[in-house]
Amino acid sequence: MSEKTMTIREMCDEFGVTPRTLRFYEAKELLFPIREGQKRLFTRRDRARLKLILRGKRFGFNLEEIRQLLDLYHVGDQQQTQLTRTYEIAQQRLDDLIRQRDELNTAISDLQEQMKWGEKIIASMNHQKKAAE
């Protein structure tokens, strides 16, 4: 075999994933390791695909979106379709993340205001308690 293959253990060590994760991606037909009996050997193509899968997951893409993007690699237009679609999905994801960040910032601000109010109430109660003693 001319290209270097990696075992499941080597893949796990290289990418920080579990064997179960690799088997799951194989079952979902995202990875296609060479099978020698029970042994799985991952090719350079599998490594590249796993890298893209993990990057997509980190950015919040679901597995179906990732599959569609990986499948577009073979369209034959020098990856223009794949890159265009990746950009579109990434823009949607970025918009979602910005919206979520804005919602979190609002929630944090509201909670901080409530906590300041609570501090004042507690301080007032403690002051009244000391005055009554």
N, C-alpha and C. Protein backbone atom coordinates (compact mmCIF):
# COMPACT_ATOMS: atom_id res chain seq x y z
N MET A 1 0.86 -1.18 0.00
CA MET A 1 0.00 0.00 0.00
C MET A 1 0.89 1.23 0.00
N SER A 2 0.75 2.11 -0.97
CA SER A 2 1.67 3.23 -1.14
C SER A 2 1.43 4.37 -0.15
N GLU A 3 0.20 4.59 0.25
CA GLU A 3 -0.04 5.68 1.17
C GLU A 3 -0.09 5.15 2.60
N LYS A 4 0.37 5.99 3.52
CA LYS A 4 0.39 5.57 4.92
C LYS A 4 -1.03 5.52 5.47
N THR A 5 -1.33 4.42 6.11
CA THR A 5 -2.63 4.29 6.77
C THR A 5 -2.40 4.39 8.27
N MET A 6 -3.49 4.66 8.98
CA MET A 6 -3.42 4.76 10.43
C MET A 6 -4.45 3.82 11.03
N THR A 7 -4.10 3.26 12.16
CA THR A 7 -5.05 2.41 12.89
C THR A 7 -6.04 3.29 13.63
N ILE A 8 -7.05 2.65 14.17
CA ILE A 8 -8.05 3.39 14.92
C ILE A 8 -7.41 4.08 16.14
N ARG A 9 -6.47 3.40 16.79
CA ARG A 9 -5.78 3.98 17.95
C ARG A 9 -4.98 5.21 17.53
N GLU A 10 -4.26 5.11 16.42
CA GLU A 10 -3.47 6.24 15.94
C GLU A 10 -4.38 7.42 15.59
N MET A 11 -5.51 7.14 14.98
CA MET A 11 -6.47 8.21 14.65
C MET A 11 -6.98 8.88 15.93
N CYS A 12 -7.31 8.05 16.92
CA CYS A 12 -7.80 8.59 18.19
C CYS A 12 -6.76 9.51 18.83
N ASP A 13 -5.51 9.05 18.84
CA ASP A 13 -4.43 9.84 19.42
C ASP A 13 -4.19 11.12 18.63
N GLU A 14 -4.22 11.02 17.32
CA GLU A 14 -3.94 12.18 16.45
C GLU A 14 -5.02 13.26 16.56
N PHE A 15 -6.29 12.84 16.65
CA PHE A 15 -7.39 13.80 16.58
C PHE A 15 -8.13 14.00 17.90
N GLY A 16 -7.73 13.27 18.94
CA GLY A 16 -8.38 13.45 20.23
C GLY A 16 -9.84 13.00 20.26
N VAL A 17 -10.13 11.92 19.56
CA VAL A 17 -11.49 11.35 19.53
C VAL A 17 -11.43 9.93 20.08
N THR A 18 -12.58 9.37 20.34
CA THR A 18 -12.66 8.00 20.85
C THR A 18 -12.88 7.02 19.69
N PRO A 19 -12.56 5.76 19.91
CA PRO A 19 -12.86 4.75 18.88
C PRO A 19 -14.36 4.74 18.55
N ARG A 20 -15.18 4.95 19.55
CA ARG A 20 -16.63 4.97 19.33
C ARG A 20 -17.02 6.08 18.35
N THR A 21 -16.37 7.24 18.49
CA THR A 21 -16.63 8.36 17.58
C THR A 21 -16.29 7.96 16.14
N LEU A 22 -15.14 7.35 15.96
CA LEU A 22 -14.73 6.94 14.61
C LEU A 22 -15.68 5.91 14.03
N ARG A 23 -16.09 4.95 14.85
CA ARG A 23 -17.04 3.94 14.38
C ARG A 23 -18.39 4.58 14.04
N PHE A 24 -18.79 5.57 14.84
CA PHE A 24 -20.04 6.29 14.57
C PHE A 24 -19.97 7.00 13.22
N TYR A 25 -18.88 7.72 12.97
CA TYR A 25 -18.74 8.42 11.69
C TYR A 25 -18.67 7.43 10.53
N GLU A 26 -18.08 6.27 10.77
CA GLU A 26 -18.06 5.24 9.73
C GLU A 26 -19.49 4.73 9.47
N ALA A 27 -20.23 4.48 10.54
CA ALA A 27 -21.62 4.00 10.39
C ALA A 27 -22.48 5.04 9.67
N LYS A 28 -22.19 6.31 9.87
CA LYS A 28 -22.93 7.39 9.20
C LYS A 28 -22.40 7.67 7.79
N GLU A 29 -21.45 6.85 7.36
CA GLU A 29 -20.83 6.96 6.02
C GLU A 29 -20.18 8.31 5.78
N LEU A 30 -19.51 8.79 6.82
CA LEU A 30 -18.70 9.99 6.68
C LEU A 30 -17.23 9.63 6.53
N LEU A 31 -16.85 8.48 7.06
CA LEU A 31 -15.50 7.95 6.92
C LEU A 31 -15.59 6.56 6.29
N PHE A 32 -14.55 6.20 5.53
CA PHE A 32 -14.55 4.93 4.82
C PHE A 32 -13.22 4.21 4.99
N PRO A 33 -12.93 3.75 6.22
CA PRO A 33 -11.65 3.07 6.41
C PRO A 33 -11.60 1.74 5.67
N ILE A 34 -10.39 1.32 5.37
CA ILE A 34 -10.17 0.01 4.77
C ILE A 34 -10.37 -1.02 5.87
N ARG A 35 -11.11 -2.06 5.58
CA ARG A 35 -11.35 -3.10 6.59
C ARG A 35 -10.50 -4.32 6.28
N GLU A 36 -9.74 -4.74 7.27
CA GLU A 36 -8.99 -6.00 7.19
C GLU A 36 -9.45 -6.84 8.36
N GLY A 37 -10.48 -7.64 8.13
CA GLY A 37 -11.10 -8.38 9.22
C GLY A 37 -11.79 -7.38 10.14
N GLN A 38 -11.42 -7.40 11.41
CA GLN A 38 -11.98 -6.44 12.38
C GLN A 38 -11.17 -5.15 12.41
N LYS A 39 -10.03 -5.15 11.79
CA LYS A 39 -9.12 -4.00 11.83
C LYS A 39 -9.55 -2.93 10.83
N ARG A 40 -9.52 -1.69 11.28
CA ARG A 40 -9.82 -0.55 10.42
C ARG A 40 -8.53 0.21 10.15
N LEU A 41 -8.30 0.51 8.88
CA LEU A 41 -7.13 1.30 8.49
C LEU A 41 -7.63 2.56 7.79
N PHE A 42 -7.23 3.70 8.32
CA PHE A 42 -7.69 4.98 7.82
C PHE A 42 -6.66 5.58 6.88
N THR A 43 -7.14 6.03 5.73
CA THR A 43 -6.27 6.60 4.70
C THR A 43 -6.11 8.11 4.90
N ARG A 44 -5.26 8.69 4.06
CA ARG A 44 -5.08 10.14 4.09
C ARG A 44 -6.42 10.85 3.83
N ARG A 45 -7.22 10.27 2.96
CA ARG A 45 -8.54 10.85 2.66
C ARG A 45 -9.43 10.84 3.91
N ASP A 46 -9.40 9.73 4.65
CA ASP A 46 -10.18 9.65 5.90
C ASP A 46 -9.70 10.70 6.90
N ARG A 47 -8.40 10.88 6.98
CA ARG A 47 -7.86 11.88 7.91
C ARG A 47 -8.32 13.29 7.53
N ALA A 48 -8.29 13.58 6.24
CA ALA A 48 -8.74 14.90 5.78
C ALA A 48 -10.23 15.08 6.07
N ARG A 49 -11.00 14.03 5.83
CA ARG A 49 -12.45 14.11 6.08
C ARG A 49 -12.73 14.29 7.57
N LEU A 50 -11.99 13.55 8.42
CA LEU A 50 -12.21 13.69 9.87
C LEU A 50 -11.86 15.10 10.33
N LYS A 51 -10.81 15.64 9.79
CA LYS A 51 -10.43 17.02 10.15
C LYS A 51 -11.57 17.98 9.81
N LEU A 52 -12.15 17.82 8.65
CA LEU A 52 -13.27 18.67 8.24
C LEU A 52 -14.52 18.41 9.09
N ILE A 53 -14.77 17.15 9.43
CA ILE A 53 -15.92 16.82 10.28
C ILE A 53 -15.78 17.51 11.63
N LEU A 54 -14.60 17.39 12.23
CA LEU A 54 -14.38 17.98 13.55
C LEU A 54 -14.46 19.49 13.51
N ARG A 55 -13.94 20.08 12.45
CA ARG A 55 -14.04 21.54 12.30
C ARG A 55 -15.50 21.95 12.14
N GLY A 56 -16.24 21.22 11.32
CA GLY A 56 -17.66 21.52 11.14
C GLY A 56 -18.43 21.40 12.45
N LYS A 57 -18.15 20.34 13.22
CA LYS A 57 -18.82 20.17 14.51
C LYS A 57 -18.49 21.32 15.45
N ARG A 58 -17.22 21.73 15.46
CA ARG A 58 -16.81 22.84 16.33
C ARG A 58 -17.56 24.12 15.98
N PHE A 59 -17.84 24.31 14.71
CA PHE A 59 -18.57 25.50 14.27
C PHE A 59 -20.08 25.34 14.38
N GLY A 60 -20.53 24.16 14.82
CA GLY A 60 -21.95 23.96 15.05
C GLY A 60 -22.73 23.42 13.86
N PHE A 61 -22.03 22.94 12.83
CA PHE A 61 -22.72 22.32 11.71
C PHE A 61 -23.25 20.97 12.17
N ASN A 62 -24.42 20.59 11.68
CA ASN A 62 -24.92 19.25 12.01
C ASN A 62 -24.31 18.25 11.03
N LEU A 63 -24.44 16.96 11.36
CA LEU A 63 -23.78 15.93 10.55
C LEU A 63 -24.31 15.89 9.12
N GLU A 64 -25.58 16.18 8.93
CA GLU A 64 -26.12 16.16 7.56
C GLU A 64 -25.51 17.29 6.73
N GLU A 65 -25.34 18.47 7.33
CA GLU A 65 -24.68 19.57 6.61
C GLU A 65 -23.24 19.19 6.27
N ILE A 66 -22.56 18.58 7.22
CA ILE A 66 -21.18 18.15 6.99
C ILE A 66 -21.13 17.12 5.87
N ARG A 67 -22.04 16.16 5.89
CA ARG A 67 -22.07 15.13 4.83
C ARG A 67 -22.27 15.79 3.46
N GLN A 68 -23.21 16.71 3.37
CA GLN A 68 -23.49 17.37 2.10
C GLN A 68 -22.25 18.11 1.60
N LEU A 69 -21.56 18.77 2.50
CA LEU A 69 -20.36 19.51 2.10
C LEU A 69 -19.25 18.56 1.65
N LEU A 70 -19.08 17.47 2.36
CA LEU A 70 -18.07 16.48 1.97
C LEU A 70 -18.41 15.88 0.62
N ASP A 71 -19.68 15.60 0.39
CA ASP A 71 -20.10 15.01 -0.88
C ASP A 71 -19.89 15.95 -2.06
N LEU A 72 -19.93 17.25 -1.80
CA LEU A 72 -19.75 18.23 -2.89
C LEU A 72 -18.31 18.27 -3.39
N TYR A 73 -17.39 17.65 -2.68
CA TYR A 73 -15.98 17.64 -3.10
C TYR A 73 -15.84 17.00 -4.47
N HIS A 74 -16.71 16.06 -4.78
CA HIS A 74 -16.59 15.29 -6.03
C HIS A 74 -17.41 15.86 -7.18
N VAL A 75 -17.94 17.06 -7.05
CA VAL A 75 -18.77 17.63 -8.10
C VAL A 75 -17.97 17.86 -9.37
N GLY A 76 -16.69 18.16 -9.24
CA GLY A 76 -15.84 18.29 -10.43
C GLY A 76 -15.66 19.71 -10.91
N ASP A 77 -15.93 20.69 -10.08
CA ASP A 77 -15.74 22.08 -10.50
C ASP A 77 -14.64 22.75 -9.67
N GLN A 78 -13.61 21.98 -9.38
CA GLN A 78 -12.46 22.45 -8.61
C GLN A 78 -12.88 22.99 -7.25
N GLN A 79 -13.86 22.35 -6.65
CA GLN A 79 -14.36 22.62 -5.31
C GLN A 79 -15.13 23.95 -5.20
N GLN A 80 -15.46 24.59 -6.30
CA GLN A 80 -16.18 25.86 -6.23
C GLN A 80 -17.55 25.67 -5.56
N THR A 81 -18.28 24.63 -5.95
CA THR A 81 -19.60 24.37 -5.36
C THR A 81 -19.45 24.10 -3.87
N GLN A 82 -18.47 23.27 -3.52
CA GLN A 82 -18.25 22.94 -2.11
C GLN A 82 -17.91 24.19 -1.31
N LEU A 83 -17.01 25.00 -1.82
CA LEU A 83 -16.60 26.21 -1.10
C LEU A 83 -17.74 27.22 -1.00
N THR A 84 -18.51 27.36 -2.06
CA THR A 84 -19.64 28.29 -2.05
C THR A 84 -20.68 27.85 -1.02
N ARG A 85 -21.01 26.57 -1.02
CA ARG A 85 -22.01 26.06 -0.07
C ARG A 85 -21.48 26.15 1.36
N THR A 86 -20.20 25.84 1.55
CA THR A 86 -19.60 25.95 2.88
C THR A 86 -19.69 27.39 3.37
N TYR A 87 -19.41 28.32 2.50
CA TYR A 87 -19.49 29.74 2.87
C TYR A 87 -20.92 30.12 3.27
N GLU A 88 -21.90 29.65 2.51
CA GLU A 88 -23.30 29.97 2.81
C GLU A 88 -23.71 29.42 4.18
N ILE A 89 -23.35 28.16 4.44
CA ILE A 89 -23.70 27.54 5.72
C ILE A 89 -22.95 28.24 6.86
N ALA A 90 -21.68 28.57 6.62
CA ALA A 90 -20.89 29.26 7.64
C ALA A 90 -21.49 30.63 7.95
N GLN A 91 -21.97 31.34 6.94
CA GLN A 91 -22.57 32.65 7.17
C GLN A 91 -23.84 32.52 8.02
N GLN A 92 -24.65 31.50 7.71
CA GLN A 92 -25.86 31.26 8.52
C GLN A 92 -25.49 30.93 9.96
N ARG A 93 -24.47 30.10 10.13
CA ARG A 93 -24.03 29.73 11.48
C ARG A 93 -23.48 30.94 12.22
N LEU A 94 -22.70 31.77 11.55
CA LEU A 94 -22.18 32.98 12.17
C LEU A 94 -23.31 33.90 12.61
N ASP A 95 -24.31 34.06 11.77
CA ASP A 95 -25.48 34.88 12.13
C ASP A 95 -26.16 34.32 13.38
N ASP A 96 -26.31 33.00 13.44
CA ASP A 96 -26.91 32.35 14.61
C ASP A 96 -26.07 32.60 15.87
N LEU A 97 -24.76 32.44 15.75
CA LEU A 97 -23.88 32.64 16.90
C LEU A 97 -23.91 34.08 17.39
N ILE A 98 -23.95 35.03 16.46
CA ILE A 98 -24.03 36.45 16.85
C ILE A 98 -25.34 36.72 17.56
N ARG A 99 -26.43 36.15 17.05
CA ARG A 99 -27.73 36.33 17.71
C ARG A 99 -27.70 35.72 19.11
N GLN A 100 -27.14 34.53 19.24
CA GLN A 100 -27.05 33.88 20.55
C GLN A 100 -26.19 34.69 21.50
N ARG A 101 -25.08 35.23 20.99
CA ARG A 101 -24.21 36.05 21.83
C ARG A 101 -24.95 37.28 22.33
N ASP A 102 -25.71 37.92 21.44
CA ASP A 102 -26.48 39.10 21.83
C ASP A 102 -27.51 38.74 22.90
N GLU A 103 -28.17 37.60 22.72
CA GLU A 103 -29.15 37.15 23.72
C GLU A 103 -28.47 36.87 25.05
N LEU A 104 -27.29 36.24 25.01
CA LEU A 104 -26.55 35.98 26.24
C LEU A 104 -26.10 37.27 26.91
N ASN A 105 -25.64 38.22 26.13
CA ASN A 105 -25.23 39.51 26.70
C ASN A 105 -26.40 40.19 27.39
N THR A 106 -27.58 40.13 26.79
CA THR A 106 -28.77 40.71 27.40
C THR A 106 -29.12 39.98 28.69
N ALA A 107 -29.08 38.66 28.67
CA ALA A 107 -29.40 37.87 29.86
C ALA A 107 -28.39 38.15 30.97
N ILE A 108 -27.12 38.25 30.63
CA ILE A 108 -26.09 38.55 31.63
C ILE A 108 -26.33 39.91 32.25
N SER A 109 -26.61 40.90 31.42
CA SER A 109 -26.88 42.25 31.91
C SER A 109 -28.09 42.27 32.83
N ASP A 110 -29.17 41.59 32.42
CA ASP A 110 -30.38 41.52 33.25
C ASP A 110 -30.09 40.85 34.59
N LEU A 111 -29.34 39.76 34.56
CA LEU A 111 -29.01 39.05 35.80
C LEU A 111 -28.14 39.91 36.71
N GLN A 112 -27.18 40.63 36.13
CA GLN A 112 -26.34 41.51 36.94
C GLN A 112 -27.17 42.61 37.62
N GLU A 113 -28.13 43.14 36.89
CA GLU A 113 -29.02 44.16 37.48
C GLU A 113 -29.84 43.58 38.62
N GLN A 114 -30.37 42.38 38.42
CA GLN A 114 -31.14 41.72 39.48
C GLN A 114 -30.27 41.45 40.70
N MET A 115 -29.04 41.06 40.47
CA MET A 115 -28.14 40.79 41.59
C MET A 115 -27.80 42.08 42.34
N LYS A 116 -27.61 43.18 41.64
CA LYS A 116 -27.37 44.47 42.30
C LYS A 116 -28.56 44.83 43.16
N TRP A 117 -29.76 44.65 42.62
CA TRP A 117 -30.97 44.93 43.38
C TRP A 117 -31.03 44.06 44.62
N GLY A 118 -30.72 42.77 44.44
CA GLY A 118 -30.72 41.83 45.57
C GLY A 118 -29.71 42.22 46.64
N GLU A 119 -28.53 42.67 46.21
CA GLU A 119 -27.51 43.13 47.16
C GLU A 119 -28.02 44.29 48.00
N LYS A 120 -28.70 45.23 47.35
CA LYS A 120 -29.24 46.40 48.06
C LYS A 120 -30.31 45.96 49.08
N ILE A 121 -31.16 45.05 48.68
CA ILE A 121 -32.22 44.57 49.57
C ILE A 121 -31.59 43.86 50.78
N ILE A 122 -30.62 42.99 50.52
CA ILE A 122 -29.96 42.25 51.61
C ILE A 122 -29.25 43.23 52.54
N ALA A 123 -28.54 44.20 51.96
CA ALA A 123 -27.84 45.20 52.79
C ALA A 123 -28.83 45.98 53.63
N SER A 124 -29.95 46.35 53.04
CA SER A 124 -30.99 47.09 53.77
C SER A 124 -31.54 46.25 54.92
N MET A 125 -31.80 44.99 54.66
CA MET A 125 -32.31 44.09 55.71
C MET A 125 -31.30 43.91 56.83
N ASN A 126 -30.02 43.77 56.46
CA ASN A 126 -28.98 43.63 57.48
C ASN A 126 -28.87 44.90 58.31
N HIS A 127 -29.00 46.06 57.67
CA HIS A 127 -28.92 47.34 58.37
C HIS A 127 -30.10 47.47 59.34
N GLN A 128 -31.31 47.09 58.89
CA GLN A 128 -32.49 47.16 59.76
C GLN A 128 -32.35 46.21 60.94
N LYS A 129 -31.78 45.04 60.69
CA LYS A 129 -31.61 44.03 61.75
C LYS A 129 -30.65 44.57 62.81
N LYS A 130 -29.54 45.19 62.39
CA LYS A 130 -28.55 45.74 63.31
C LYS A 130 -29.14 46.91 64.09
N ALA A 131 -29.97 47.71 63.44
CA ALA A 131 -30.58 48.85 64.10
C ALA A 131 -31.57 48.39 65.16
N ALA A 132 -32.21 47.25 64.94
CA ALA A 132 -33.21 46.74 65.88
C ALA A 132 -32.54 46.08 67.08
N GLU A 133 -31.26 45.75 66.97
CA GLU A 133 -30.60 45.05 68.09
C GLU A 133 -30.17 45.96 69.17
